[in-house]
Amino acid sequence: MDSFKERFLETLTLKYAANVNAHKLAMDILMEKCVGIGEHTDFIEEANKHVSGMSEARENIQTLIYYYPEVKILKQYLKYGPHLK
């Protein structure tokens, strides 16, 4: 049985991973289907917003993994670490 601490940290990490994926999807739409953006005419600023969002969420995941190394379940989220491509 997982401890409350493990479940709590995994849930938080899943939230950050979902944020990475949501911002990446928005970038893909911005780059591949610009007509889907509609009212957003400043594509550079919109892209910058999503890159910053991905970066922040990824940094949050890395921070949890760094400060809670004993919570082994977080290791599965290392794909959001420094080697993410």
N, C-alpha and C. Protein backbone atom coordinates (compact mmCIF):
# COMPACT_ATOMS: atom_id res chain seq x y z
N MET A 1 0.85 -1.19 0.00
CA MET A 1 0.00 0.00 0.00
C MET A 1 0.89 1.24 0.00
N ASP A 2 0.57 2.17 -0.88
CA ASP A 2 1.33 3.42 -0.94
C ASP A 2 1.00 4.29 0.27
N SER A 3 2.00 5.00 0.72
CA SER A 3 1.77 5.93 1.82
C SER A 3 1.08 7.18 1.29
N PHE A 4 0.51 7.93 2.21
CA PHE A 4 -0.14 9.18 1.83
C PHE A 4 0.86 10.10 1.13
N LYS A 5 2.08 10.17 1.67
CA LYS A 5 3.12 11.03 1.10
C LYS A 5 3.39 10.65 -0.36
N GLU A 6 3.50 9.35 -0.63
CA GLU A 6 3.76 8.90 -2.00
C GLU A 6 2.60 9.27 -2.93
N ARG A 7 1.38 9.02 -2.47
CA ARG A 7 0.21 9.34 -3.29
C ARG A 7 0.11 10.84 -3.54
N PHE A 8 0.37 11.63 -2.51
CA PHE A 8 0.30 13.07 -2.63
C PHE A 8 1.32 13.58 -3.65
N LEU A 9 2.57 13.13 -3.52
CA LEU A 9 3.63 13.59 -4.42
C LEU A 9 3.41 13.09 -5.85
N GLU A 10 2.90 11.87 -5.99
CA GLU A 10 2.62 11.38 -7.34
C GLU A 10 1.49 12.18 -7.98
N THR A 11 0.46 12.50 -7.22
CA THR A 11 -0.64 13.29 -7.75
C THR A 11 -0.16 14.67 -8.20
N LEU A 12 0.68 15.28 -7.40
CA LEU A 12 1.24 16.58 -7.75
C LEU A 12 2.10 16.47 -9.02
N THR A 13 2.89 15.41 -9.10
CA THR A 13 3.73 15.19 -10.28
C THR A 13 2.87 14.95 -11.52
N LEU A 14 1.79 14.21 -11.38
CA LEU A 14 0.88 13.98 -12.51
C LEU A 14 0.27 15.29 -13.00
N LYS A 15 -0.04 16.18 -12.07
CA LYS A 15 -0.56 17.49 -12.45
C LYS A 15 0.45 18.24 -13.30
N TYR A 16 1.72 18.22 -12.88
CA TYR A 16 2.76 18.90 -13.64
C TYR A 16 2.98 18.23 -15.00
N ALA A 17 2.95 16.90 -15.04
CA ALA A 17 3.13 16.18 -16.31
C ALA A 17 1.98 16.53 -17.27
N ALA A 18 0.77 16.63 -16.74
CA ALA A 18 -0.37 17.01 -17.58
C ALA A 18 -0.20 18.43 -18.12
N ASN A 19 0.36 19.32 -17.29
CA ASN A 19 0.63 20.69 -17.76
C ASN A 19 1.64 20.70 -18.90
N VAL A 20 2.70 19.88 -18.77
CA VAL A 20 3.68 19.79 -19.86
C VAL A 20 2.98 19.36 -21.13
N ASN A 21 2.18 18.30 -21.03
CA ASN A 21 1.50 17.77 -22.22
C ASN A 21 0.50 18.77 -22.80
N ALA A 22 -0.21 19.49 -21.96
CA ALA A 22 -1.18 20.48 -22.45
C ALA A 22 -0.48 21.61 -23.19
N HIS A 23 0.62 22.09 -22.65
CA HIS A 23 1.36 23.17 -23.32
C HIS A 23 2.00 22.67 -24.61
N LYS A 24 2.48 21.43 -24.61
CA LYS A 24 3.06 20.87 -25.82
C LYS A 24 2.00 20.73 -26.91
N LEU A 25 0.82 20.28 -26.53
CA LEU A 25 -0.28 20.18 -27.49
C LEU A 25 -0.63 21.55 -28.06
N ALA A 26 -0.67 22.56 -27.21
CA ALA A 26 -0.96 23.92 -27.68
C ALA A 26 0.10 24.40 -28.66
N MET A 27 1.36 24.06 -28.39
CA MET A 27 2.44 24.42 -29.33
C MET A 27 2.27 23.71 -30.66
N ASP A 28 1.92 22.42 -30.60
CA ASP A 28 1.70 21.66 -31.83
C ASP A 28 0.57 22.27 -32.65
N ILE A 29 -0.52 22.65 -31.99
CA ILE A 29 -1.63 23.28 -32.69
C ILE A 29 -1.19 24.61 -33.28
N LEU A 30 -0.45 25.37 -32.51
CA LEU A 30 0.03 26.67 -32.98
C LEU A 30 0.90 26.53 -34.22
N MET A 31 1.76 25.52 -34.23
CA MET A 31 2.69 25.35 -35.36
C MET A 31 2.08 24.64 -36.56
N GLU A 32 1.12 23.75 -36.30
CA GLU A 32 0.61 22.94 -37.40
C GLU A 32 -0.79 23.32 -37.87
N LYS A 33 -1.56 23.94 -37.01
CA LYS A 33 -2.94 24.26 -37.36
C LYS A 33 -3.27 25.67 -36.88
N CYS A 34 -2.59 26.63 -37.44
CA CYS A 34 -2.75 28.02 -37.01
C CYS A 34 -4.19 28.50 -37.10
N VAL A 35 -4.99 27.94 -37.98
CA VAL A 35 -6.38 28.37 -38.11
C VAL A 35 -7.17 28.04 -36.84
N GLY A 36 -6.68 27.08 -36.05
CA GLY A 36 -7.35 26.71 -34.81
C GLY A 36 -7.14 27.71 -33.69
N ILE A 37 -6.25 28.67 -33.89
CA ILE A 37 -5.94 29.64 -32.85
C ILE A 37 -6.96 30.77 -32.82
N GLY A 38 -7.42 31.20 -33.98
CA GLY A 38 -8.46 32.22 -34.03
C GLY A 38 -8.00 33.60 -33.63
N GLU A 39 -8.37 34.03 -32.42
CA GLU A 39 -8.13 35.40 -31.99
C GLU A 39 -6.67 35.69 -31.62
N HIS A 40 -5.83 34.69 -31.55
CA HIS A 40 -4.43 34.91 -31.19
C HIS A 40 -3.61 35.31 -32.42
N THR A 41 -3.30 36.58 -32.54
CA THR A 41 -2.55 37.03 -33.70
C THR A 41 -1.07 37.17 -33.40
N ASP A 42 -0.69 37.25 -32.14
CA ASP A 42 0.72 37.35 -31.78
C ASP A 42 1.24 35.94 -31.48
N PHE A 43 1.61 35.24 -32.56
CA PHE A 43 2.01 33.84 -32.44
C PHE A 43 3.27 33.67 -31.61
N ILE A 44 4.21 34.59 -31.70
CA ILE A 44 5.45 34.50 -30.93
C ILE A 44 5.16 34.59 -29.44
N GLU A 45 4.34 35.54 -29.04
CA GLU A 45 4.01 35.69 -27.62
C GLU A 45 3.21 34.47 -27.12
N GLU A 46 2.32 33.97 -27.95
CA GLU A 46 1.55 32.79 -27.58
C GLU A 46 2.48 31.58 -27.41
N ALA A 47 3.43 31.41 -28.34
CA ALA A 47 4.39 30.31 -28.24
C ALA A 47 5.26 30.47 -27.00
N ASN A 48 5.69 31.69 -26.72
CA ASN A 48 6.50 31.95 -25.54
C ASN A 48 5.77 31.55 -24.26
N LYS A 49 4.48 31.84 -24.21
CA LYS A 49 3.67 31.48 -23.04
C LYS A 49 3.68 29.97 -22.84
N HIS A 50 3.57 29.21 -23.91
CA HIS A 50 3.51 27.75 -23.79
C HIS A 50 4.89 27.15 -23.50
N VAL A 51 5.92 27.71 -24.05
CA VAL A 51 7.28 27.23 -23.74
C VAL A 51 7.58 27.48 -22.26
N SER A 52 7.21 28.65 -21.77
CA SER A 52 7.41 28.96 -20.35
C SER A 52 6.60 28.02 -19.46
N GLY A 53 5.40 27.71 -19.88
CA GLY A 53 4.56 26.78 -19.11
C GLY A 53 5.15 25.39 -19.05
N MET A 54 5.69 24.91 -20.19
CA MET A 54 6.34 23.60 -20.20
C MET A 54 7.56 23.60 -19.30
N SER A 55 8.33 24.65 -19.40
CA SER A 55 9.56 24.76 -18.61
C SER A 55 9.26 24.77 -17.11
N GLU A 56 8.28 25.54 -16.72
CA GLU A 56 7.93 25.63 -15.30
C GLU A 56 7.44 24.29 -14.76
N ALA A 57 6.57 23.62 -15.50
CA ALA A 57 6.04 22.34 -15.06
C ALA A 57 7.15 21.29 -14.97
N ARG A 58 8.02 21.28 -15.97
CA ARG A 58 9.14 20.33 -15.97
C ARG A 58 10.07 20.59 -14.80
N GLU A 59 10.34 21.84 -14.51
CA GLU A 59 11.20 22.19 -13.37
C GLU A 59 10.55 21.75 -12.06
N ASN A 60 9.25 21.87 -11.96
CA ASN A 60 8.56 21.42 -10.75
C ASN A 60 8.71 19.92 -10.55
N ILE A 61 8.59 19.15 -11.63
CA ILE A 61 8.78 17.70 -11.54
C ILE A 61 10.20 17.39 -11.09
N GLN A 62 11.18 18.04 -11.70
CA GLN A 62 12.58 17.82 -11.34
C GLN A 62 12.83 18.15 -9.87
N THR A 63 12.20 19.21 -9.39
CA THR A 63 12.37 19.63 -8.00
C THR A 63 11.84 18.56 -7.06
N LEU A 64 10.66 18.02 -7.34
CA LEU A 64 10.11 16.97 -6.48
C LEU A 64 11.01 15.73 -6.47
N ILE A 65 11.50 15.33 -7.64
CA ILE A 65 12.37 14.17 -7.72
C ILE A 65 13.66 14.41 -6.95
N TYR A 66 14.19 15.61 -7.02
CA TYR A 66 15.44 15.95 -6.33
C TYR A 66 15.27 15.94 -4.81
N TYR A 67 14.20 16.57 -4.34
CA TYR A 67 14.03 16.73 -2.89
C TYR A 67 13.35 15.55 -2.20
N TYR A 68 12.75 14.66 -2.98
CA TYR A 68 12.12 13.48 -2.41
C TYR A 68 12.61 12.21 -3.11
N PRO A 69 13.91 11.96 -3.09
CA PRO A 69 14.46 10.79 -3.81
C PRO A 69 13.98 9.47 -3.23
N GLU A 70 13.54 9.49 -1.98
CA GLU A 70 13.08 8.25 -1.35
C GLU A 70 11.72 7.80 -1.89
N VAL A 71 11.01 8.69 -2.58
CA VAL A 71 9.71 8.33 -3.15
C VAL A 71 9.97 7.77 -4.55
N LYS A 72 10.12 6.45 -4.58
CA LYS A 72 10.56 5.76 -5.80
C LYS A 72 9.61 5.93 -6.98
N ILE A 73 8.32 6.06 -6.71
CA ILE A 73 7.34 6.16 -7.80
C ILE A 73 7.57 7.39 -8.68
N LEU A 74 8.20 8.43 -8.14
CA LEU A 74 8.46 9.64 -8.92
C LEU A 74 9.49 9.39 -10.02
N LYS A 75 10.31 8.36 -9.87
CA LYS A 75 11.36 8.07 -10.85
C LYS A 75 10.78 7.81 -12.24
N GLN A 76 9.54 7.32 -12.30
CA GLN A 76 8.95 7.06 -13.62
C GLN A 76 8.70 8.33 -14.42
N TYR A 77 8.79 9.47 -13.76
CA TYR A 77 8.57 10.75 -14.43
C TYR A 77 9.88 11.41 -14.84
N LEU A 78 10.97 10.66 -14.80
CA LEU A 78 12.27 11.22 -15.19
C LEU A 78 12.30 11.63 -16.64
N LYS A 79 11.36 11.15 -17.45
CA LYS A 79 11.31 11.57 -18.85
C LYS A 79 11.08 13.07 -18.95
N TYR A 80 10.62 13.69 -17.87
CA TYR A 80 10.45 15.14 -17.84
C TYR A 80 11.68 15.83 -17.26
N GLY A 81 12.77 15.06 -17.14
CA GLY A 81 13.99 15.60 -16.57
C GLY A 81 14.86 16.28 -17.61
N PRO A 82 16.13 16.50 -17.28
CA PRO A 82 17.05 17.26 -18.14
C PRO A 82 17.22 16.66 -19.54
N HIS A 83 17.01 15.36 -19.67
CA HIS A 83 17.24 14.72 -20.96
C HIS A 83 16.00 14.72 -21.85
N LEU A 84 14.94 15.38 -21.44
CA LEU A 84 13.71 15.43 -22.23
C LEU A 84 13.98 16.02 -23.61
N LYS A 85 13.52 15.34 -24.63
CA LYS A 85 13.73 15.83 -26.00
C LYS A 85 12.41 15.99 -26.70
